[in-house]
Structures are given as structure tokens and as C-alpha cells.
Amino acid sequence: MILKVLRVQGSSLTPDFADGDYVVVSALPLLFRRPRPGQVIVFHQPGYGQLIKRIASIEPCGKLFVLGSGGGSIDSRTFGPVERRQVEGVVVWGIHRQRK
């Protein structure tokens, strides 16, 4: 996958990305650099499916601790750290729907 456009469902990263916004995701940044705290990633989590979260920290073993910014977010506090192989890509651009 070079680029993928995904529609955000839910409010776990509000106000950065809200329900109905679109994000452009790419795996290319991860081919040249390791993931970094602060990056927003899309990954597959067994039991929850495809999720979008922000990397909060990286454990010494390389696993990613991810968090949402919305209240009640399902994130690493619920399912634990994310393994690098679960990551589909990094959000490289956001397309916000028009808000009233």
C-alpha cells in the first residue's frame, strides 16, 4: 500500500480527527524511519479491528503504546501495546469534513 484514504469513525482522536473526517495513510514513512511518539497511526487490533490512535510512547522492546484523545477511548490502556507488525501506516494528511 502506497496510499490509502480512510474515513474516521468515532471520536477517539477528537479534536484532531472527528467522526466523518478522512485521513490519508501511508506505509512509506515506516520504511525509512522508526515510528515516533506523536505520530498518528492506523493499525489492526484483534478483537477491535482497524483503529486510528496517536503513539504516546515506545517501549524498549519496540512495542507502541497508543492513546486516543477522546474520553472513553479504546486504546493501549484497554488492549495493551501494539506490535510493529500490526501497523498499517502513518496518517500523512487529514481531510476534515465541514463543521457547522
PDB file of N, CA and C in Angstrom:
ATOM      1  N   MET A   1       0.848  -1.175   0.000  1.00  0.00           N
ATOM      2  CA  MET A   1       0.000   0.000   0.000  1.00  0.00           C
ATOM      3  C   MET A   1       0.895   1.240   0.000  1.00  0.00           C
ATOM      4  N   ILE A   2       0.707   2.089  -0.999  1.00  0.00           N
ATOM      5  CA  ILE A   2       1.428   3.356  -1.015  1.00  0.00           C
ATOM      6  C   ILE A   2       0.612   4.399  -0.283  1.00  0.00           C
ATOM      7  N   LEU A   3      -0.629   4.570  -0.686  1.00  0.00           N
ATOM      8  CA  LEU A   3      -1.547   5.496  -0.019  1.00  0.00           C
ATOM      9  C   LEU A   3      -2.911   4.859   0.085  1.00  0.00           C
ATOM     10  N   LYS A   4      -3.580   5.150   1.177  1.00  0.00           N
ATOM     11  CA  LYS A   4      -4.938   4.655   1.387  1.00  0.00           C
ATOM     12  C   LYS A   4      -5.735   5.786   2.024  1.00  0.00           C
ATOM     13  N   VAL A   5      -6.958   5.997   1.559  1.00  0.00           N
ATOM     14  CA  VAL A   5      -7.841   7.005   2.154  1.00  0.00           C
ATOM     15  C   VAL A   5      -8.868   6.269   2.995  1.00  0.00           C
ATOM     16  N   LEU A   6      -8.976   6.660   4.263  1.00  0.00           N
ATOM     17  CA  LEU A   6      -9.909   6.018   5.185  1.00  0.00           C
ATOM     18  C   LEU A   6     -10.819   7.052   5.821  1.00  0.00           C
ATOM     19  N   ARG A   7     -12.037   6.660   6.101  1.00  0.00           N
ATOM     20  CA  ARG A   7     -12.996   7.529   6.792  1.00  0.00           C
ATOM     21  C   ARG A   7     -12.913   7.245   8.286  1.00  0.00           C
ATOM     22  N   VAL A   8     -12.776   8.299   9.075  1.00  0.00           N
ATOM     23  CA  VAL A   8     -12.703   8.158  10.524  1.00  0.00           C
ATOM     24  C   VAL A   8     -14.103   7.868  11.061  1.00  0.00           C
ATOM     25  N   GLN A   9     -14.190   6.852  11.891  1.00  0.00           N
ATOM     26  CA  GLN A   9     -15.454   6.510  12.543  1.00  0.00           C
ATOM     27  C   GLN A   9     -15.226   6.590  14.047  1.00  0.00           C
ATOM     28  N   GLY A  10     -15.993   7.425  14.696  1.00  0.00           N
ATOM     29  CA  GLY A  10     -15.862   7.587  16.133  1.00  0.00           C
ATOM     30  C   GLY A  10     -15.141   8.878  16.476  1.00  0.00           C
ATOM     31  N   SER A  11     -14.958   9.082  17.762  1.00  0.00           N
ATOM     32  CA  SER A  11     -14.396  10.357  18.218  1.00  0.00           C
ATOM     33  C   SER A  11     -13.162  10.195  19.101  1.00  0.00           C
ATOM     34  N   SER A  12     -12.444   9.092  18.948  1.00  0.00           N
ATOM     35  CA  SER A  12     -11.327   8.840  19.859  1.00  0.00           C
ATOM     36  C   SER A  12     -10.150   9.795  19.665  1.00  0.00           C
ATOM     37  N   LEU A  13     -10.064  10.492  18.523  1.00  0.00           N
ATOM     38  CA  LEU A  13      -8.977  11.447  18.318  1.00  0.00           C
ATOM     39  C   LEU A  13      -9.489  12.875  18.153  1.00  0.00           C
ATOM     40  N   THR A  14     -10.712  13.129  18.607  1.00  0.00           N
ATOM     41  CA  THR A  14     -11.254  14.483  18.570  1.00  0.00           C
ATOM     42  C   THR A  14     -10.428  15.355  19.509  1.00  0.00           C
ATOM     43  N   PRO A  15     -10.053  16.540  19.150  1.00  0.00           N
ATOM     44  CA  PRO A  15     -10.500  17.365  18.036  1.00  0.00           C
ATOM     45  C   PRO A  15      -9.645  17.235  16.777  1.00  0.00           C
ATOM     46  N   ASP A  16      -8.547  16.475  16.811  1.00  0.00           N
ATOM     47  CA  ASP A  16      -7.688  16.362  15.622  1.00  0.00           C
ATOM     48  C   ASP A  16      -8.410  15.722  14.449  1.00  0.00           C
ATOM     49  N   PHE A  17      -9.085  14.618  14.702  1.00  0.00           N
ATOM     50  CA  PHE A  17      -9.855  13.920  13.675  1.00  0.00           C
ATOM     51  C   PHE A  17     -11.184  13.510  14.279  1.00  0.00           C
ATOM     52  N   ALA A  18     -12.264  13.962  13.656  1.00  0.00           N
ATOM     53  CA  ALA A  18     -13.605  13.691  14.171  1.00  0.00           C
ATOM     54  C   ALA A  18     -14.321  12.680  13.283  1.00  0.00           C
ATOM     55  N   ASP A  19     -15.407  12.162  13.797  1.00  0.00           N
ATOM     56  CA  ASP A  19     -16.234  11.225  13.052  1.00  0.00           C
ATOM     57  C   ASP A  19     -16.622  11.844  11.713  1.00  0.00           C
ATOM     58  N   GLY A  20     -16.372  11.133  10.625  1.00  0.00           N
ATOM     59  CA  GLY A  20     -16.710  11.622   9.295  1.00  0.00           C
ATOM     60  C   GLY A  20     -15.555  12.272   8.556  1.00  0.00           C
ATOM     61  N   ASP A  21     -14.457  12.587   9.254  1.00  0.00           N
ATOM     62  CA  ASP A  21     -13.271  13.111   8.577  1.00  0.00           C
ATOM     63  C   ASP A  21     -12.625  11.972   7.779  1.00  0.00           C
ATOM     64  N   TYR A  22     -11.734  12.353   6.874  1.00  0.00           N
ATOM     65  CA  TYR A  22     -10.964  11.368   6.113  1.00  0.00           C
ATOM     66  C   TYR A  22      -9.485  11.568   6.421  1.00  0.00           C
ATOM     67  N   VAL A  23      -8.735  10.479   6.365  1.00  0.00           N
ATOM     68  CA  VAL A  23      -7.290  10.552   6.547  1.00  0.00           C
ATOM     69  C   VAL A  23      -6.613   9.809   5.405  1.00  0.00           C
ATOM     70  N   VAL A  24      -5.446  10.317   5.018  1.00  0.00           N
ATOM     71  CA  VAL A  24      -4.614   9.644   4.030  1.00  0.00           C
ATOM     72  C   VAL A  24      -3.511   8.942   4.810  1.00  0.00           C
ATOM     73  N   VAL A  25      -3.403   7.639   4.601  1.00  0.00           N
ATOM     74  CA  VAL A  25      -2.473   6.800   5.355  1.00  0.00           C
ATOM     75  C   VAL A  25      -1.427   6.224   4.399  1.00  0.00           C
ATOM     76  N   SER A  26      -0.176   6.225   4.831  1.00  0.00           N
ATOM     77  CA  SER A  26       0.901   5.677   4.017  1.00  0.00           C
ATOM     78  C   SER A  26       1.829   4.820   4.869  1.00  0.00           C
ATOM     79  N   ALA A  27       2.283   3.716   4.292  1.00  0.00           N
ATOM     80  CA  ALA A  27       3.268   2.860   4.958  1.00  0.00           C
ATOM     81  C   ALA A  27       4.694   3.317   4.649  1.00  0.00           C
ATOM     82  N   LEU A  28       4.863   4.184   3.641  1.00  0.00           N
ATOM     83  CA  LEU A  28       6.206   4.614   3.237  1.00  0.00           C
ATOM     84  C   LEU A  28       7.033   5.233   4.360  1.00  0.00           C
ATOM     85  N   PRO A  29       6.465   6.121   5.198  1.00  0.00           N
ATOM     86  CA  PRO A  29       7.301   6.705   6.260  1.00  0.00           C
ATOM     87  C   PRO A  29       7.927   5.655   7.174  1.00  0.00           C
ATOM     88  N   LEU A  30       7.259   4.528   7.325  1.00  0.00           N
ATOM     89  CA  LEU A  30       7.772   3.491   8.230  1.00  0.00           C
ATOM     90  C   LEU A  30       8.853   2.630   7.580  1.00  0.00           C
ATOM     91  N   LEU A  31       9.014   2.761   6.262  1.00  0.00           N
ATOM     92  CA  LEU A  31      10.086   2.026   5.593  1.00  0.00           C
ATOM     93  C   LEU A  31      11.444   2.693   5.829  1.00  0.00           C
ATOM     94  N   PHE A  32      11.422   4.002   6.100  1.00  0.00           N
ATOM     95  CA  PHE A  32      12.655   4.761   6.217  1.00  0.00           C
ATOM     96  C   PHE A  32      12.980   5.206   7.644  1.00  0.00           C
ATOM     97  N   ARG A  33      11.958   5.245   8.499  1.00  0.00           N
ATOM     98  CA  ARG A  33      12.160   5.690   9.878  1.00  0.00           C
ATOM     99  C   ARG A  33      11.320   4.840  10.816  1.00  0.00           C
ATOM    100  N   ARG A  34      11.786   4.727  12.024  1.00  0.00           N
ATOM    101  CA  ARG A  34      11.001   4.028  13.040  1.00  0.00           C
ATOM    102  C   ARG A  34       9.825   4.911  13.450  1.00  0.00           C
ATOM    103  N   PRO A  35       8.751   4.293  13.945  1.00  0.00           N
ATOM    104  CA  PRO A  35       7.634   5.104  14.456  1.00  0.00           C
ATOM    105  C   PRO A  35       8.119   6.018  15.575  1.00  0.00           C
ATOM    106  N   ARG A  36       7.471   7.174  15.722  1.00  0.00           N
ATOM    107  CA  ARG A  36       7.868   8.145  16.742  1.00  0.00           C
ATOM    108  C   ARG A  36       6.662   8.560  17.576  1.00  0.00           C
ATOM    109  N   PRO A  37       6.866   8.852  18.841  1.00  0.00           N
ATOM    110  CA  PRO A  37       5.769   9.376  19.651  1.00  0.00           C
ATOM    111  C   PRO A  37       5.201  10.636  18.990  1.00  0.00           C
ATOM    112  N   GLY A  38       3.881  10.742  19.057  1.00  0.00           N
ATOM    113  CA  GLY A  38       3.187  11.873  18.447  1.00  0.00           C
ATOM    114  C   GLY A  38       2.596  11.553  17.092  1.00  0.00           C
ATOM    115  N   GLN A  39       3.136  10.534  16.406  1.00  0.00           N
ATOM    116  CA  GLN A  39       2.583  10.164  15.107  1.00  0.00           C
ATOM    117  C   GLN A  39       1.218   9.507  15.298  1.00  0.00           C
ATOM    118  N   VAL A  40       0.329   9.764  14.347  1.00  0.00           N
ATOM    119  CA  VAL A  40      -0.975   9.101  14.334  1.00  0.00           C
ATOM    120  C   VAL A  40      -0.862   7.931  13.366  1.00  0.00           C
ATOM    121  N   ILE A  41      -1.224   6.753  13.844  1.00  0.00           N
ATOM    122  CA  ILE A  41      -1.095   5.538  13.042  1.00  0.00           C
ATOM    123  C   ILE A  41      -2.448   4.840  12.908  1.00  0.00           C
ATOM    124  N   VAL A  42      -2.528   4.016  11.866  1.00  0.00           N
ATOM    125  CA  VAL A  42      -3.660   3.123  11.679  1.00  0.00           C
ATOM    126  C   VAL A  42      -3.107   1.712  11.825  1.00  0.00           C
ATOM    127  N   PHE A  43      -3.794   0.886  12.586  1.00  0.00           N
ATOM    128  CA  PHE A  43      -3.317  -0.471  12.845  1.00  0.00           C
ATOM    129  C   PHE A  43      -4.501  -1.404  13.019  1.00  0.00           C
ATOM    130  N   HIS A  44      -4.219  -2.687  12.948  1.00  0.00           N
ATOM    131  CA  HIS A  44      -5.255  -3.702  13.158  1.00  0.00           C
ATOM    132  C   HIS A  44      -5.064  -4.304  14.542  1.00  0.00           C
ATOM    133  N   GLN A  45      -6.116  -4.247  15.321  1.00  0.00           N
ATOM    134  CA  GLN A  45      -6.084  -4.805  16.676  1.00  0.00           C
ATOM    135  C   GLN A  45      -7.090  -5.950  16.743  1.00  0.00           C
ATOM    136  N   PRO A  46      -6.622  -7.190  16.966  1.00  0.00           N
ATOM    137  CA  PRO A  46      -7.554  -8.312  17.064  1.00  0.00           C
ATOM    138  C   PRO A  46      -8.639  -8.027  18.101  1.00  0.00           C
ATOM    139  N   GLY A  47      -9.857  -8.283  17.735  1.00  0.00           N
ATOM    140  CA  GLY A  47     -10.977  -8.047  18.629  1.00  0.00           C
ATOM    141  C   GLY A  47     -11.621  -6.682  18.450  1.00  0.00           C
ATOM    142  N   TYR A  48     -10.863  -5.733  17.900  1.00  0.00           N
ATOM    143  CA  TYR A  48     -11.385  -4.376  17.701  1.00  0.00           C
ATOM    144  C   TYR A  48     -11.332  -3.935  16.243  1.00  0.00           C
ATOM    145  N   GLY A  49     -10.553  -4.622  15.420  1.00  0.00           N
ATOM    146  CA  GLY A  49     -10.452  -4.277  14.006  1.00  0.00           C
ATOM    147  C   GLY A  49      -9.461  -3.162  13.749  1.00  0.00           C
ATOM    148  N   GLN A  50      -9.742  -2.384  12.711  1.00  0.00           N
ATOM    149  CA  GLN A  50      -8.855  -1.295  12.307  1.00  0.00           C
ATOM    150  C   GLN A  50      -9.088  -0.074  13.193  1.00  0.00           C
ATOM    151  N   LEU A  51      -8.004   0.448  13.787  1.00  0.00           N
ATOM    152  CA  LEU A  51      -8.103   1.595  14.698  1.00  0.00           C
ATOM    153  C   LEU A  51      -7.124   2.686  14.290  1.00  0.00           C
ATOM    154  N   ILE A  52      -7.426   3.913  14.694  1.00  0.00           N
ATOM    155  CA  ILE A  52      -6.544   5.053  14.491  1.00  0.00           C
ATOM    156  C   ILE A  52      -6.262   5.660  15.863  1.00  0.00           C
ATOM    157  N   LYS A  53      -4.975   5.781  16.193  1.00  0.00           N
ATOM    158  CA  LYS A  53      -4.562   6.307  17.506  1.00  0.00           C
ATOM    159  C   LYS A  53      -3.238   7.039  17.367  1.00  0.00           C
ATOM    160  N   ARG A  54      -2.882   7.783  18.402  1.00  0.00           N
ATOM    161  CA  ARG A  54      -1.608   8.505  18.448  1.00  0.00           C
ATOM    162  C   ARG A  54      -0.615   7.706  19.292  1.00  0.00           C
ATOM    163  N   ILE A  55       0.623   7.612  18.811  1.00  0.00           N
ATOM    164  CA  ILE A  55       1.671   6.935  19.574  1.00  0.00           C
ATOM    165  C   ILE A  55       2.037   7.816  20.768  1.00  0.00           C
ATOM    166  N   ALA A  56       1.862   7.283  21.959  1.00  0.00           N
ATOM    167  CA  ALA A  56       2.203   8.016  23.178  1.00  0.00           C
ATOM    168  C   ALA A  56       3.655   7.747  23.581  1.00  0.00           C
ATOM    169  N   SER A  57       4.059   6.491  23.450  1.00  0.00           N
ATOM    170  CA  SER A  57       5.435   6.128  23.799  1.00  0.00           C
ATOM    171  C   SER A  57       5.795   4.816  23.122  1.00  0.00           C
ATOM    172  N   ILE A  58       7.088   4.546  23.113  1.00  0.00           N
ATOM    173  CA  ILE A  58       7.586   3.302  22.526  1.00  0.00           C
ATOM    174  C   ILE A  58       8.367   2.572  23.605  1.00  0.00           C
ATOM    175  N   GLU A  59       7.979   1.339  23.857  1.00  0.00           N
ATOM    176  CA  GLU A  59       8.634   0.541  24.881  1.00  0.00           C
ATOM    177  C   GLU A  59      10.009   0.079  24.401  1.00  0.00           C
ATOM    178  N   PRO A  60      10.922  -0.239  25.311  1.00  0.00           N
ATOM    179  CA  PRO A  60      12.266  -0.675  24.908  1.00  0.00           C
ATOM    180  C   PRO A  60      12.255  -1.860  23.930  1.00  0.00           C
ATOM    181  N   CYS A  61      11.239  -2.704  24.023  1.00  0.00           N
ATOM    182  CA  CYS A  61      11.163  -3.862  23.121  1.00  0.00           C
ATOM    183  C   CYS A  61      10.599  -3.487  21.748  1.00  0.00           C
ATOM    184  N   GLY A  62      10.238  -2.224  21.550  1.00  0.00           N
ATOM    185  CA  GLY A  62       9.744  -1.765  20.248  1.00  0.00           C
ATOM    186  C   GLY A  62       8.241  -1.708  20.121  1.00  0.00           C
ATOM    187  N   LYS A  63       7.528  -2.162  21.130  1.00  0.00           N
ATOM    188  CA  LYS A  63       6.068  -2.107  21.069  1.00  0.00           C
ATOM    189  C   LYS A  63       5.594  -0.669  21.289  1.00  0.00           C
ATOM    190  N   LEU A  64       4.463  -0.336  20.672  1.00  0.00           N
ATOM    191  CA  LEU A  64       3.937   1.031  20.696  1.00  0.00           C
ATOM    192  C   LEU A  64       2.792   1.144  21.686  1.00  0.00           C
ATOM    193  N   PHE A  65       2.869   2.134  22.550  1.00  0.00           N
ATOM    194  CA  PHE A  65       1.773   2.424  23.476  1.00  0.00           C
ATOM    195  C   PHE A  65       0.985   3.556  22.834  1.00  0.00           C
ATOM    196  N   VAL A  66      -0.278   3.281  22.472  1.00  0.00           N
ATOM    197  CA  VAL A  66      -1.094   4.249  21.738  1.00  0.00           C
ATOM    198  C   VAL A  66      -2.265   4.726  22.581  1.00  0.00           C
ATOM    199  N   LEU A  67      -2.641   5.984  22.365  1.00  0.00           N
ATOM    200  CA  LEU A  67      -3.755   6.575  23.089  1.00  0.00           C
ATOM    201  C   LEU A  67      -4.663   7.341  22.150  1.00  0.00           C
ATOM    202  N   GLY A  68      -5.933   7.399  22.507  1.00  0.00           N
ATOM    203  CA  GLY A  68      -6.876   8.294  21.859  1.00  0.00           C
ATOM    204  C   GLY A  68      -6.978   9.540  22.706  1.00  0.00           C
ATOM    205  N   SER A  69      -7.544  10.598  22.143  1.00  0.00           N
ATOM    206  CA  SER A  69      -7.670  11.829  22.926  1.00  0.00           C
ATOM    207  C   SER A  69      -9.083  12.060  23.415  1.00  0.00           C
ATOM    208  N   GLY A  70     -10.024  11.265  22.934  1.00  0.00           N
ATOM    209  CA  GLY A  70     -11.412  11.402  23.381  1.00  0.00           C
ATOM    210  C   GLY A  70     -11.657  10.598  24.643  1.00  0.00           C
ATOM    211  N   GLY A  71     -12.599  11.046  25.445  1.00  0.00           N
ATOM    212  CA  GLY A  71     -12.947  10.316  26.660  1.00  0.00           C
ATOM    213  C   GLY A  71     -13.499   8.941  26.331  1.00  0.00           C
ATOM    214  N   GLY A  72     -13.129   7.962  27.084  1.00  0.00           N
ATOM    215  CA  GLY A  72     -13.626   6.606  26.865  1.00  0.00           C
ATOM    216  C   GLY A  72     -13.011   5.907  25.666  1.00  0.00           C
ATOM    217  N   SER A  73     -11.870   6.383  25.209  1.00  0.00           N
ATOM    218  CA  SER A  73     -11.213   5.796  24.049  1.00  0.00           C
ATOM    219  C   SER A  73     -10.729   4.387  24.356  1.00  0.00           C
ATOM    220  N   ILE A  74     -10.905   3.491  23.394  1.00  0.00           N
ATOM    221  CA  ILE A  74     -10.344   2.142  23.499  1.00  0.00           C
ATOM    222  C   ILE A  74      -8.943   2.235  22.910  1.00  0.00           C
ATOM    223  N   ASP A  75      -7.942   2.035  23.747  1.00  0.00           N
ATOM    224  CA  ASP A  75      -6.558   2.202  23.315  1.00  0.00           C
ATOM    225  C   ASP A  75      -5.663   1.257  24.110  1.00  0.00           C
ATOM    226  N   SER A  76      -4.376   1.541  24.195  1.00  0.00           N
ATOM    227  CA  SER A  76      -3.448   0.640  24.887  1.00  0.00           C
ATOM    228  C   SER A  76      -3.778   0.452  26.357  1.00  0.00           C
ATOM    229  N   ARG A  77      -4.526   1.371  26.929  1.00  0.00           N
ATOM    230  CA  ARG A  77      -4.961   1.177  28.325  1.00  0.00           C
ATOM    231  C   ARG A  77      -5.946   0.017  28.421  1.00  0.00           C
ATOM    232  N   THR A  78      -6.592  -0.308  27.298  1.00  0.00           N
ATOM    233  CA  THR A  78      -7.554  -1.409  27.244  1.00  0.00           C
ATOM    234  C   THR A  78      -6.914  -2.699  26.751  1.00  0.00           C
ATOM    235  N   PHE A  79      -6.193  -2.625  25.614  1.00  0.00           N
ATOM    236  CA  PHE A  79      -5.693  -3.839  24.963  1.00  0.00           C
ATOM    237  C   PHE A  79      -4.177  -4.008  25.023  1.00  0.00           C
ATOM    238  N   GLY A  80      -3.471  -3.085  25.656  1.00  0.00           N
ATOM    239  CA  GLY A  80      -2.021  -3.213  25.772  1.00  0.00           C
ATOM    240  C   GLY A  80      -1.289  -2.603  24.580  1.00  0.00           C
ATOM    241  N   PRO A  81       0.031  -2.756  24.553  1.00  0.00           N
ATOM    242  CA  PRO A  81       0.828  -2.154  23.480  1.00  0.00           C
ATOM    243  C   PRO A  81       0.572  -2.826  22.133  1.00  0.00           C
ATOM    244  N   VAL A  82       0.871  -2.074  21.077  1.00  0.00           N
ATOM    245  CA  VAL A  82       0.681  -2.534  19.699  1.00  0.00           C
ATOM    246  C   VAL A  82       2.030  -2.983  19.150  1.00  0.00           C
ATOM    247  N   GLU A  83       2.050  -4.127  18.509  1.00  0.00           N
ATOM    248  CA  GLU A  83       3.281  -4.607  17.889  1.00  0.00           C
ATOM    249  C   GLU A  83       3.456  -3.938  16.538  1.00  0.00           C
ATOM    250  N   ARG A  84       4.691  -3.725  16.147  1.00  0.00           N
ATOM    251  CA  ARG A  84       5.007  -3.035  14.893  1.00  0.00           C
ATOM    252  C   ARG A  84       4.340  -3.703  13.689  1.00  0.00           C
ATOM    253  N   ARG A  85       4.235  -5.016  13.691  1.00  0.00           N
ATOM    254  CA  ARG A  85       3.654  -5.737  12.558  1.00  0.00           C
ATOM    255  C   ARG A  85       2.160  -5.454  12.384  1.00  0.00           C
ATOM    256  N   GLN A  86       1.507  -4.933  13.415  1.00  0.00           N
ATOM    257  CA  GLN A  86       0.082  -4.612  13.345  1.00  0.00           C
ATOM    258  C   GLN A  86      -0.169  -3.273  12.649  1.00  0.00           C
ATOM    259  N   VAL A  87       0.863  -2.438  12.526  1.00  0.00           N
ATOM    260  CA  VAL A  87       0.706  -1.094  11.989  1.00  0.00           C
ATOM    261  C   VAL A  87       0.581  -1.140  10.469  1.00  0.00           C
ATOM    262  N   GLU A  88      -0.498  -0.512   9.968  1.00  0.00           N
ATOM    263  CA  GLU A  88      -0.727  -0.447   8.524  1.00  0.00           C
ATOM    264  C   GLU A  88      -0.071   0.781   7.913  1.00  0.00           C
ATOM    265  N   GLY A  89       0.011   1.860   8.674  1.00  0.00           N
ATOM    266  CA  GLY A  89       0.631   3.066   8.142  1.00  0.00           C
ATOM    267  C   GLY A  89       0.468   4.259   9.063  1.00  0.00           C
ATOM    268  N   VAL A  90       1.042   5.375   8.614  1.00  0.00           N
ATOM    269  CA  VAL A  90       1.032   6.639   9.346  1.00  0.00           C
ATOM    270  C   VAL A  90       0.076   7.597   8.640  1.00  0.00           C
ATOM    271  N   VAL A  91      -0.683   8.355   9.407  1.00  0.00           N
ATOM    272  CA  VAL A  91      -1.545   9.377   8.815  1.00  0.00           C
ATOM    273  C   VAL A  91      -0.644  10.510   8.331  1.00  0.00           C
ATOM    274  N   VAL A  92      -0.701  10.783   7.019  1.00  0.00           N
ATOM    275  CA  VAL A  92       0.136  11.824   6.435  1.00  0.00           C
ATOM    276  C   VAL A  92      -0.667  13.075   6.074  1.00  0.00           C
ATOM    277  N   TRP A  93      -1.988  12.958   6.116  1.00  0.00           N
ATOM    278  CA  TRP A  93      -2.828  14.104   5.766  1.00  0.00           C
ATOM    279  C   TRP A  93      -4.237  13.868   6.258  1.00  0.00           C
ATOM    280  N   GLY A  94      -4.871  14.903   6.763  1.00  0.00           N
ATOM    281  CA  GLY A  94      -6.258  14.819   7.207  1.00  0.00           C
ATOM    282  C   GLY A  94      -7.151  15.685   6.342  1.00  0.00           C
ATOM    283  N   ILE A  95      -8.322  15.169   6.033  1.00  0.00           N
ATOM    284  CA  ILE A  95      -9.325  15.901   5.254  1.00  0.00           C
ATOM    285  C   ILE A  95     -10.537  16.047   6.162  1.00  0.00           C
ATOM    286  N   HIS A  96     -10.706  17.238   6.703  1.00  0.00           N
ATOM    287  CA  HIS A  96     -11.774  17.458   7.681  1.00  0.00           C
ATOM    288  C   HIS A  96     -13.074  17.792   6.988  1.00  0.00           C
ATOM    289  N   ARG A  97     -14.136  17.145   7.456  1.00  0.00           N
ATOM    290  CA  ARG A  97     -15.452  17.471   6.900  1.00  0.00           C
ATOM    291  C   ARG A  97     -15.841  18.847   7.395  1.00  0.00           C
ATOM    292  N   GLN A  98     -16.699  19.480   6.666  1.00  0.00           N
ATOM    293  CA  GLN A  98     -17.110  20.831   7.049  1.00  0.00           C
ATOM    294  C   GLN A  98     -17.958  20.764   8.300  1.00  0.00           C
ATOM    295  N   ARG A  99     -17.555  21.536   9.294  1.00  0.00           N
ATOM    296  CA  ARG A  99     -18.287  21.564  10.569  1.00  0.00           C
ATOM    297  C   ARG A  99     -19.114  22.822  10.644  1.00  0.00           C
ATOM    298  N   LYS A 100     -20.261  22.702  11.265  1.00  0.00           N
ATOM    299  CA  LYS A 100     -21.164  23.861  11.394  1.00  0.00           C
ATOM    300  C   LYS A 100     -20.976  24.543  12.706  1.00  0.00           C
TER     301      LYS A 100
END
